[in-house]
């Protein structure tokens, strides 16, 4: 990870990078706790309201590799600031009380989803403009913020919705995205000279064309029951387009994603670990929050309000940041790949805790705290595994691919949880059986066990390097 560094660190660069990553993750996740409230406020069905989350995920998956490549060239600063401008404009659309407001809300949520591409860009900035130990520490923090930030928006959005309505929650998103834009304007430096400015437009279109139907069929699980022919057709189209994209990327001189780097053993294994780990993490996260809000009349559950259920995510975010700060010290002993495997085992422990004990609030809070600690450590270790064999100029592009893989894993986890719970809901009843939650948690544990095994395999292939994750120096 060594490359020339400027003599002086740009002012407020580190807090700005972490803040931007945290904001775009928190704003991107606002759709999840507000689905029911959006349906009521805008007079639409729950299925339609669910698109406030789905469209954000789709926009982020499409934008991430494109912005990652742009950020690897000389126009990184205008690309990043332009993206923050789009996110801020989208946040404004979500609060406008205008005719056809739901359509404007969806447009705004799509624009906010573009911001999910920014954490990978922030990692590239840190690698280019900070000394190696501080760069590694900052990259880990940015990665943690981009994951743990998912839980930050839940309780605040739920509280504002209960107090002042759904537009107040989206108004908070407008405020923090505007602050992130100001932080970027003041702190983001220009990219180093000598970088390629070429963008593989054909590759970007093929990848977008493949990701959209792929994420649709894994996030809109109702398609398989209502229109199985359409779902199968979309899945086949996704496979064909993504296969064509792989062929094109291997032949073009300036690919959107350098698949030769992505195909290296540690990088390939890290992305595989992220896919399995992301599936297990998000599956467990959704299980715990849904279980907490289930009324006791169902025979289980705590019947918590949206706001109180959101508070369960506080230990998830808090312990995630603690784990991110401790990871540099542990990484010196275990190496990045070993740390990745260990934290996958921690998240596995959270899945087993939830599967075995979930009748009381303290048990849910404990499982959520363990989950957050494992996710924080997992996220901190992931960039070091990938960047250990990635040239500095390819940082944003390599990490953008990892974030796309994470989005797919999150979507698969959400879809799998929905399928299991829907399949275990008796006819004529609103809620699934209690045993369905244990089954879904065991599926999450299986995915996390696969992630741990993959991480352990990588750690045995490579000697732990103390330089992979270094403690931040004041």
Protein backbone atom coordinates (compact mmCIF):
# COMPACT_ATOMS: atom_id res chain seq x y z
CA UNK A 1 0.00 0.00 0.00
CA UNK A 2 2.98 2.28 -0.28
CA UNK A 3 2.91 5.25 -2.66
CA UNK A 4 4.08 8.85 -2.52
CA UNK A 5 2.29 10.91 0.12
CA UNK A 6 1.84 14.66 0.36
CA UNK A 7 3.90 16.47 2.92
CA UNK A 8 0.86 17.68 4.84
CA UNK A 9 -2.46 15.93 5.40
CA UNK A 10 -5.44 17.94 4.07
CA UNK A 11 -7.31 19.53 7.00
CA UNK A 12 -10.24 17.54 8.45
CA UNK A 13 -9.78 14.87 5.79
CA UNK A 14 -10.17 11.81 8.01
CA UNK A 15 -13.36 12.92 9.84
CA UNK A 16 -14.84 14.06 6.52
CA UNK A 17 -14.21 10.71 4.84
CA UNK A 18 -15.77 8.77 7.73
CA UNK A 19 -18.69 11.21 8.02
CA UNK A 20 -19.53 10.99 4.31
CA UNK A 21 -19.47 7.18 4.39
CA UNK A 22 -21.65 7.14 7.51
CA UNK A 23 -24.18 9.59 6.06
CA UNK A 24 -24.71 7.85 2.72
CA UNK A 25 -25.12 4.47 4.47
CA UNK A 26 -27.59 5.86 7.02
CA UNK A 27 -29.62 7.76 4.41
CA UNK A 28 -29.62 4.78 2.07
CA UNK A 29 -31.09 2.58 4.81
CA UNK A 30 -33.93 5.00 5.67
CA UNK A 31 -36.36 3.05 3.50
CA UNK A 32 -36.37 -0.04 5.71
CA UNK A 33 -37.93 1.33 8.92
CA UNK A 34 -40.32 3.64 7.06
CA UNK A 35 -42.07 1.22 4.68
CA UNK A 36 -45.27 0.96 6.73
CA UNK A 37 -45.34 4.70 7.43
CA UNK A 38 -44.80 5.54 3.76
CA UNK A 39 -47.67 3.27 2.74
CA UNK A 40 -50.00 5.06 5.17
CA UNK A 41 -48.79 8.62 4.46
CA UNK A 42 -48.84 8.32 0.66
CA UNK A 43 -51.85 6.02 0.33
CA UNK A 44 -50.00 3.22 -1.46
CA UNK A 45 -49.71 -0.53 -0.86
CA UNK A 46 -46.94 -2.05 1.25
CA UNK A 47 -45.53 -3.64 -1.91
CA UNK A 48 -45.30 -0.21 -3.55
CA UNK A 49 -43.81 1.35 -0.40
CA UNK A 50 -41.15 -1.38 -0.37
CA UNK A 51 -39.76 0.22 -3.53
CA UNK A 52 -38.42 3.09 -1.43
CA UNK A 53 -35.77 0.58 -0.32
CA UNK A 54 -35.49 -1.52 -3.49
CA UNK A 55 -34.91 1.41 -5.84
CA UNK A 56 -32.18 2.77 -3.56
CA UNK A 57 -30.37 -0.55 -3.61
CA UNK A 58 -30.66 -0.81 -7.40
CA UNK A 59 -29.32 2.70 -7.94
CA UNK A 60 -26.40 2.06 -5.60
CA UNK A 61 -25.45 -1.22 -7.26
CA UNK A 62 -25.45 0.37 -10.72
CA UNK A 63 -23.62 3.54 -9.68
CA UNK A 64 -20.93 1.94 -7.52
CA UNK A 65 -18.66 0.39 -10.21
CA UNK A 66 -19.09 3.41 -12.50
CA UNK A 67 -18.12 5.91 -9.81
CA UNK A 68 -15.35 3.57 -8.67
CA UNK A 69 -13.76 3.76 -12.12
CA UNK A 70 -14.28 7.53 -12.39
CA UNK A 71 -12.68 7.92 -8.97
CA UNK A 72 -9.63 5.99 -10.16
CA UNK A 73 -8.98 8.73 -12.74
CA UNK A 74 -8.01 12.41 -12.50
CA UNK A 75 -11.59 13.65 -11.98
CA UNK A 76 -12.19 11.99 -8.64
CA UNK A 77 -13.00 15.20 -6.76
CA UNK A 78 -15.66 16.50 -9.22
CA UNK A 79 -17.12 12.98 -9.51
CA UNK A 80 -17.42 12.64 -5.72
CA UNK A 81 -18.80 16.16 -5.25
CA UNK A 82 -21.23 15.66 -8.12
CA UNK A 83 -22.46 12.46 -6.49
CA UNK A 84 -22.95 14.25 -3.16
CA UNK A 85 -24.88 16.93 -5.05
CA UNK A 86 -27.15 14.27 -6.58
CA UNK A 87 -27.73 12.73 -3.14
CA UNK A 88 -28.60 16.13 -1.65
CA UNK A 89 -30.98 16.93 -4.51
CA UNK A 90 -32.59 13.52 -4.05
CA UNK A 91 -32.99 14.20 -0.34
CA UNK A 92 -34.81 17.41 -1.21
CA UNK A 93 -37.21 15.48 -3.46
CA UNK A 94 -38.14 13.15 -0.61
CA UNK A 95 -39.56 16.01 1.49
CA UNK A 96 -41.40 18.05 -1.18
CA UNK A 97 -45.20 18.08 -0.64
CA UNK A 98 -46.12 18.21 -4.35
CA UNK A 99 -48.71 16.47 -6.57
CA UNK A 100 -47.62 12.94 -7.39
CA UNK A 101 -45.48 13.04 -4.27
CA UNK A 102 -44.87 9.28 -4.17
CA UNK A 103 -43.27 9.33 -7.64
CA UNK A 104 -41.02 12.18 -6.52
CA UNK A 105 -40.20 10.22 -3.36
CA UNK A 106 -39.08 7.24 -5.44
CA UNK A 107 -36.99 9.51 -7.67
CA UNK A 108 -35.39 11.02 -4.58
CA UNK A 109 -34.68 7.62 -3.07
CA UNK A 110 -33.02 6.53 -6.33
CA UNK A 111 -30.82 9.64 -6.23
CA UNK A 112 -29.93 8.92 -2.60
CA UNK A 113 -28.97 5.37 -3.62
CA UNK A 114 -26.27 6.75 -5.93
CA UNK A 115 -24.46 7.83 -2.76
CA UNK A 116 -23.92 4.20 -1.76
CA UNK A 117 -21.04 4.29 -4.25
CA UNK A 118 -19.12 6.86 -2.20
CA UNK A 119 -17.49 4.73 0.56
CA UNK A 120 -15.25 3.03 -2.01
CA UNK A 121 -14.22 6.47 -3.29
CA UNK A 122 -13.43 7.65 0.23
CA UNK A 123 -11.14 4.62 0.64
CA UNK A 124 -9.28 5.61 -2.51
CA UNK A 125 -8.83 9.15 -1.19
CA UNK A 126 -7.44 7.84 2.10
CA UNK A 127 -4.98 5.56 0.37
CA UNK A 128 -3.69 8.34 -1.88
CA UNK A 129 -3.41 11.18 0.64
CA UNK A 130 -2.55 9.65 4.01
CA UNK A 131 0.62 8.03 5.31
CA UNK A 132 0.39 4.19 5.24
CA UNK A 133 -0.49 3.47 8.90
CA UNK A 134 -3.08 6.25 9.05
CA UNK A 135 -4.40 5.33 5.61
CA UNK A 136 -5.02 1.70 6.63
CA UNK A 137 -6.75 2.78 9.83
CA UNK A 138 -8.93 5.31 8.00
CA UNK A 139 -9.89 2.84 5.28
CA UNK A 140 -10.99 0.40 7.99
CA UNK A 141 -13.07 3.11 9.68
CA UNK A 142 -14.71 4.11 6.40
CA UNK A 143 -15.61 0.47 5.74
CA UNK A 144 -17.05 0.10 9.24
CA UNK A 145 -19.04 3.35 8.89
CA UNK A 146 -20.50 2.23 5.55
CA UNK A 147 -21.85 -0.94 7.19
CA UNK A 148 -22.71 0.14 10.72
CA UNK A 149 -24.31 3.29 9.33
CA UNK A 150 -27.17 1.05 8.23
CA UNK A 151 -28.27 0.88 11.87
CA UNK A 152 -27.72 4.55 12.68
CA UNK A 153 -30.70 5.83 10.71
CA UNK A 154 -33.24 3.34 12.07
CA UNK A 155 -34.00 4.74 15.56
CA UNK A 156 -33.76 8.39 14.51
CA UNK A 157 -36.03 7.88 11.51
CA UNK A 158 -38.55 5.94 13.59
CA UNK A 159 -38.62 8.62 16.32
CA UNK A 160 -39.09 11.49 13.88
CA UNK A 161 -41.83 9.57 12.07
CA UNK A 162 -43.73 9.01 15.31
CA UNK A 163 -43.34 12.65 16.37
CA UNK A 164 -43.79 14.57 13.12
CA UNK A 165 -44.52 12.21 10.24
CA UNK A 166 -42.50 10.49 7.55
CA UNK A 167 -41.36 13.71 5.83
CA UNK A 168 -39.62 14.75 9.04
CA UNK A 169 -37.54 11.60 8.90
CA UNK A 170 -36.57 12.30 5.31
CA UNK A 171 -35.91 15.90 6.32
CA UNK A 172 -33.17 14.63 8.62
CA UNK A 173 -31.68 12.93 5.56
CA UNK A 174 -31.70 16.25 3.71
CA UNK A 175 -29.88 17.95 6.58
CA UNK A 176 -27.09 15.39 6.94
CA UNK A 177 -26.53 15.00 3.18
CA UNK A 178 -26.18 18.77 2.85
CA UNK A 179 -23.61 18.69 5.66
CA UNK A 180 -21.78 15.86 3.89
CA UNK A 181 -21.66 17.95 0.70
CA UNK A 182 -20.17 20.87 2.63
CA UNK A 183 -17.60 18.52 4.21
CA UNK A 184 -16.65 17.21 0.78
CA UNK A 185 -16.30 20.70 -0.68
CA UNK A 186 -13.99 21.73 2.14
CA UNK A 187 -11.88 18.59 2.47
CA UNK A 188 -11.72 16.34 -0.60
CA UNK A 189 -8.40 16.84 -2.44
CA UNK A 190 -7.87 16.33 -6.18
CA UNK A 191 -6.61 12.96 -7.39
CA UNK A 192 -2.88 12.42 -8.00
CA UNK A 193 -1.71 13.24 -11.52
CA UNK A 194 -1.08 10.57 -14.11
CA UNK A 195 -4.26 8.51 -13.68
CA UNK A 196 -6.25 7.24 -16.67
CA UNK A 197 -9.47 9.15 -17.42
CA UNK A 198 -11.08 6.51 -19.68
CA UNK A 199 -14.47 5.05 -18.76
CA UNK A 200 -15.62 1.74 -20.21
CA UNK A 201 -19.11 2.88 -21.23
CA UNK A 202 -20.06 -0.44 -22.84
CA UNK A 203 -18.94 -2.30 -19.74
CA UNK A 204 -20.92 0.06 -17.51
CA UNK A 205 -24.08 -0.47 -19.54
CA UNK A 206 -23.68 -4.25 -19.57
CA UNK A 207 -23.04 -4.39 -15.84
CA UNK A 208 -26.01 -2.14 -15.09
CA UNK A 209 -28.19 -4.22 -17.39
CA UNK A 210 -27.17 -7.39 -15.54
CA UNK A 211 -27.39 -6.05 -11.99
CA UNK A 212 -30.87 -4.54 -12.30
CA UNK A 213 -32.72 -7.79 -13.18
CA UNK A 214 -30.51 -9.75 -10.76
CA UNK A 215 -31.38 -7.54 -7.81
CA UNK A 216 -35.02 -7.40 -8.86
CA UNK A 217 -35.44 -11.17 -8.74
CA UNK A 218 -33.67 -11.51 -5.39
CA UNK A 219 -35.35 -8.53 -3.70
CA UNK A 220 -38.87 -8.82 -5.16
CA UNK A 221 -39.55 -12.36 -3.99
CA UNK A 222 -43.25 -12.07 -4.80
CA UNK A 223 -42.36 -12.27 -8.51
CA UNK A 224 -41.60 -15.97 -8.16
CA UNK A 225 -45.09 -16.71 -6.84
CA UNK A 226 -47.11 -14.22 -8.91
CA UNK A 227 -45.26 -14.34 -12.23
CA UNK A 228 -42.70 -17.17 -12.20
CA UNK A 229 -42.15 -16.92 -15.95
CA UNK A 230 -41.14 -13.27 -15.71
CA UNK A 231 -38.89 -14.00 -12.72
CA UNK A 232 -37.14 -16.83 -14.55
CA UNK A 233 -36.74 -14.63 -17.63
CA UNK A 234 -35.19 -11.83 -15.58
CA UNK A 235 -32.82 -14.29 -13.91
CA UNK A 236 -31.76 -15.67 -17.30
CA UNK A 237 -31.27 -12.18 -18.70
CA UNK A 238 -29.11 -11.24 -15.71
CA UNK A 239 -26.90 -14.29 -16.22
CA UNK A 240 -26.47 -13.59 -19.94
CA UNK A 241 -25.66 -9.90 -19.48
CA UNK A 242 -23.25 -10.50 -16.62
CA UNK A 243 -21.51 -13.26 -18.59
CA UNK A 244 -21.19 -10.85 -21.51
CA UNK A 245 -19.80 -8.22 -19.18
CA UNK A 246 -17.11 -10.62 -17.90
CA UNK A 247 -16.08 -11.47 -21.46
CA UNK A 248 -15.94 -7.78 -22.43
CA UNK A 249 -13.97 -6.76 -19.34
CA UNK A 250 -11.34 -9.43 -19.98
CA UNK A 251 -10.80 -8.18 -23.52
CA UNK A 252 -10.91 -4.40 -23.17
CA UNK A 253 -7.74 -2.39 -22.57
CA UNK A 254 -9.42 -0.08 -20.01
CA UNK A 255 -12.00 -2.17 -18.14
CA UNK A 256 -14.60 -0.86 -15.74
CA UNK A 257 -13.31 -3.40 -13.19
CA UNK A 258 -9.92 -5.06 -13.59
CA UNK A 259 -11.01 -8.70 -13.39
CA UNK A 260 -7.39 -9.87 -13.37
CA UNK A 261 -7.02 -8.20 -9.99
CA UNK A 262 -10.46 -9.36 -8.87
CA UNK A 263 -9.55 -12.93 -9.85
CA UNK A 264 -6.49 -13.10 -7.62
CA UNK A 265 -6.88 -15.65 -4.84
CA UNK A 266 -7.12 -13.32 -1.81
CA UNK A 267 -9.35 -10.80 -3.59
CA UNK A 268 -11.64 -13.47 -5.03
CA UNK A 269 -11.90 -15.18 -1.66
CA UNK A 270 -12.57 -11.86 0.10
CA UNK A 271 -15.43 -11.09 -2.27
CA UNK A 272 -16.81 -14.59 -1.78
CA UNK A 273 -16.57 -14.09 1.96
CA UNK A 274 -18.41 -10.77 1.64
CA UNK A 275 -21.19 -12.40 -0.39
CA UNK A 276 -21.77 -15.15 2.19
CA UNK A 277 -21.14 -12.86 5.15
CA UNK A 278 -23.41 -10.11 3.81
CA UNK A 279 -26.19 -12.62 3.27
CA UNK A 280 -25.92 -13.90 6.85
CA UNK A 281 -25.52 -10.44 8.41
CA UNK A 282 -28.53 -8.86 6.73
CA UNK A 283 -30.70 -11.93 7.19
CA UNK A 284 -30.04 -11.88 10.93
CA UNK A 285 -30.48 -8.10 11.18
CA UNK A 286 -33.92 -8.25 9.56
CA UNK A 287 -34.95 -11.29 11.63
CA UNK A 288 -34.20 -9.58 14.95
CA UNK A 289 -35.96 -6.30 14.10
CA UNK A 290 -39.02 -8.09 12.70
CA UNK A 291 -39.24 -10.46 15.68
CA UNK A 292 -39.05 -7.56 18.13
CA UNK A 293 -42.08 -5.86 16.51
CA UNK A 294 -44.25 -8.99 16.34
CA UNK A 295 -47.16 -8.66 18.84
CA UNK A 296 -47.33 -11.24 21.65
CA UNK A 297 -50.75 -12.27 20.32
CA UNK A 298 -48.87 -14.22 17.68
CA UNK A 299 -47.60 -16.51 20.44
CA UNK A 300 -44.14 -14.92 20.52
CA UNK A 301 -42.53 -11.55 19.92
CA UNK A 302 -42.29 -8.40 22.04
CA UNK A 303 -44.73 -6.07 20.26
CA UNK A 304 -42.28 -3.15 20.30
CA UNK A 305 -43.04 0.08 18.48
CA UNK A 306 -40.97 1.03 15.45
CA UNK A 307 -38.98 3.50 17.53
CA UNK A 308 -38.25 1.13 20.42
CA UNK A 309 -37.37 -1.64 17.98
CA UNK A 310 -35.00 0.82 16.34
CA UNK A 311 -33.28 1.39 19.67
CA UNK A 312 -32.23 -2.26 19.62
CA UNK A 313 -29.91 -1.22 16.80
CA UNK A 314 -28.02 1.19 19.05
CA UNK A 315 -25.76 -1.55 20.50
CA UNK A 316 -25.32 -2.85 16.94
CA UNK A 317 -23.87 0.47 15.79
CA UNK A 318 -22.01 1.29 19.02
CA UNK A 319 -20.24 -2.06 19.35
CA UNK A 320 -19.56 -2.06 15.62
CA UNK A 321 -17.52 1.12 15.96
CA UNK A 322 -15.77 -0.31 19.03
CA UNK A 323 -14.80 -3.37 17.00
CA UNK A 324 -13.56 -1.14 14.20
CA UNK A 325 -11.25 0.66 16.62
CA UNK A 326 -9.96 -2.58 18.13
CA UNK A 327 -9.39 -4.29 14.78
CA UNK A 328 -6.01 -2.65 14.06
CA UNK A 329 -4.57 -4.11 17.27
CA UNK A 330 -6.00 -7.56 16.59
CA UNK A 331 -4.97 -7.37 12.94
CA UNK A 332 -1.32 -7.08 13.95
CA UNK A 333 -1.56 -10.54 15.51
CA UNK A 334 -3.98 -12.32 13.19
CA UNK A 335 -3.48 -10.61 9.85
CA UNK A 336 -6.40 -9.16 7.91
CA UNK A 337 -7.66 -12.51 6.55
CA UNK A 338 -7.49 -14.16 9.96
CA UNK A 339 -9.36 -11.22 11.50
CA UNK A 340 -11.98 -11.55 8.76
CA UNK A 341 -12.55 -15.20 9.64
CA UNK A 342 -12.66 -14.58 13.39
CA UNK A 343 -15.30 -11.88 13.04
CA UNK A 344 -17.37 -14.08 10.74
CA UNK A 345 -17.37 -16.56 13.65
CA UNK A 346 -18.50 -13.77 16.01
CA UNK A 347 -21.46 -13.02 13.74
CA UNK A 348 -22.13 -16.76 13.55
CA UNK A 349 -22.32 -16.70 17.35
CA UNK A 350 -24.96 -13.95 17.17
CA UNK A 351 -27.05 -16.10 14.79
CA UNK A 352 -26.85 -19.06 17.15
CA UNK A 353 -27.77 -16.84 20.13
CA UNK A 354 -30.90 -15.65 18.34
CA UNK A 355 -31.81 -19.17 17.22
CA UNK A 356 -31.59 -20.53 20.78
CA UNK A 357 -32.80 -17.60 22.96
CA UNK A 358 -35.05 -14.75 21.80
CA UNK A 359 -38.02 -14.63 24.18
CA UNK A 360 -36.84 -11.58 26.14
CA UNK A 361 -35.62 -8.10 25.22
CA UNK A 362 -32.22 -8.61 26.86
CA UNK A 363 -31.62 -11.62 24.62
CA UNK A 364 -32.40 -9.65 21.47
CA UNK A 365 -30.21 -6.76 22.61
CA UNK A 366 -27.36 -9.18 23.37
CA UNK A 367 -27.65 -10.85 19.96
CA UNK A 368 -27.75 -7.44 18.26
CA UNK A 369 -24.68 -6.26 20.18
CA UNK A 370 -22.70 -9.39 19.28
CA UNK A 371 -23.84 -9.00 15.68
CA UNK A 372 -22.66 -5.38 15.61
CA UNK A 373 -19.28 -6.23 17.10
CA UNK A 374 -18.73 -8.98 14.54
CA UNK A 375 -19.94 -6.85 11.62
CA UNK A 376 -17.69 -3.98 12.69
CA UNK A 377 -14.60 -6.18 12.83
CA UNK A 378 -15.56 -7.93 9.60
CA UNK A 379 -15.95 -4.62 7.78
CA UNK A 380 -12.66 -3.28 9.14
CA UNK A 381 -10.70 -6.32 7.98
CA UNK A 382 -12.21 -6.66 4.50
CA UNK A 383 -10.43 -3.72 2.75
CA UNK A 384 -6.97 -4.82 3.95
CA UNK A 385 -7.41 -8.28 2.40
CA UNK A 386 -8.37 -6.78 -0.96
CA UNK A 387 -5.95 -3.87 -1.02
CA UNK A 388 -2.92 -5.96 -0.04
CA UNK A 389 -2.72 -7.08 -3.70
CA UNK A 390 -4.32 -4.03 -5.36
CA UNK A 391 -2.33 -1.09 -6.82
CA UNK A 392 -3.16 2.29 -5.22
CA UNK A 393 -4.70 3.60 -8.44
CA UNK A 394 -7.24 0.74 -8.46
CA UNK A 395 -8.39 1.18 -4.85
CA UNK A 396 -11.79 2.73 -5.60
CA UNK A 397 -12.53 0.32 -8.42
CA UNK A 398 -11.56 -2.79 -6.41
CA UNK A 399 -13.57 -1.72 -3.38
CA UNK A 400 -16.54 -0.72 -5.53
CA UNK A 401 -16.78 -4.31 -6.77
CA UNK A 402 -16.70 -5.49 -3.16
CA UNK A 403 -19.56 -3.12 -2.34
CA UNK A 404 -21.60 -4.45 -5.26
CA UNK A 405 -21.02 -7.98 -3.95
CA UNK A 406 -22.13 -6.78 -0.51
CA UNK A 407 -25.34 -5.32 -1.99
CA UNK A 408 -26.11 -8.62 -3.66
CA UNK A 409 -25.44 -10.46 -0.39
CA UNK A 410 -27.71 -8.08 1.54
CA UNK A 411 -30.47 -8.56 -1.04
CA UNK A 412 -30.13 -12.33 -0.93
CA UNK A 413 -30.27 -12.26 2.87
CA UNK A 414 -33.41 -10.13 2.89
CA UNK A 415 -35.06 -12.26 0.23
CA UNK A 416 -34.16 -15.55 1.92
CA UNK A 417 -35.54 -14.35 5.24
CA UNK A 418 -38.77 -13.25 3.58
CA UNK A 419 -39.16 -16.57 1.78
CA UNK A 420 -38.59 -18.66 4.91
CA UNK A 421 -40.98 -16.62 7.03
CA UNK A 422 -43.63 -16.46 4.29
CA UNK A 423 -43.41 -20.22 3.76
CA UNK A 424 -43.97 -20.81 7.48
CA UNK A 425 -47.01 -18.54 7.77
CA UNK A 426 -50.15 -20.71 8.20
CA UNK A 427 -53.07 -20.04 5.88
CA UNK A 428 -55.30 -17.30 7.20
CA UNK A 429 -52.72 -16.04 9.69
CA UNK A 430 -50.67 -12.85 9.52
CA UNK A 431 -47.51 -14.01 11.28
CA UNK A 432 -45.19 -16.99 10.71
CA UNK A 433 -44.53 -19.60 13.35
CA UNK A 434 -41.88 -19.02 15.99
CA UNK A 435 -39.90 -21.99 14.70
CA UNK A 436 -39.50 -20.23 11.34
CA UNK A 437 -37.22 -17.67 12.97
CA UNK A 438 -34.97 -20.43 14.30
CA UNK A 439 -34.85 -22.01 10.84
CA UNK A 440 -33.95 -18.70 9.19
CA UNK A 441 -31.30 -18.02 11.86
CA UNK A 442 -29.75 -21.43 11.17
CA UNK A 443 -29.58 -20.54 7.46
CA UNK A 444 -27.81 -17.32 8.40
CA UNK A 445 -25.41 -19.35 10.56
CA UNK A 446 -24.68 -21.65 7.63
CA UNK A 447 -23.80 -18.70 5.38
CA UNK A 448 -21.61 -17.21 8.09
CA UNK A 449 -19.85 -20.52 8.66
CA UNK A 450 -19.03 -20.58 4.94
CA UNK A 451 -17.68 -17.03 5.22
CA UNK A 452 -15.51 -18.03 8.18
CA UNK A 453 -14.13 -21.10 6.39
CA UNK A 454 -13.26 -19.00 3.33
CA UNK A 455 -11.56 -16.39 5.51
CA UNK A 456 -9.56 -19.09 7.30
CA UNK A 457 -8.48 -20.55 3.97
CA UNK A 458 -7.16 -17.16 2.88
CA UNK A 459 -5.35 -16.63 6.19
CA UNK A 460 -3.53 -19.96 5.83
CA UNK A 461 -2.45 -19.12 2.28
CA UNK A 462 -0.91 -15.80 3.34
CA UNK A 463 1.33 -14.92 6.25
CA UNK A 464 -0.27 -12.30 8.51
CA UNK A 465 1.22 -8.90 7.76
CA UNK A 466 1.39 -6.29 10.47
CA UNK A 467 1.20 -3.60 7.81
CA UNK A 468 -2.23 -4.75 6.64
CA UNK A 469 -4.00 -3.05 9.52
CA UNK A 470 -2.13 -0.57 11.63
CA UNK A 471 -3.35 1.43 14.60
CA UNK A 472 -4.07 5.05 13.84
CA UNK A 473 -1.44 7.46 15.11
CA UNK A 474 -2.56 10.70 16.57
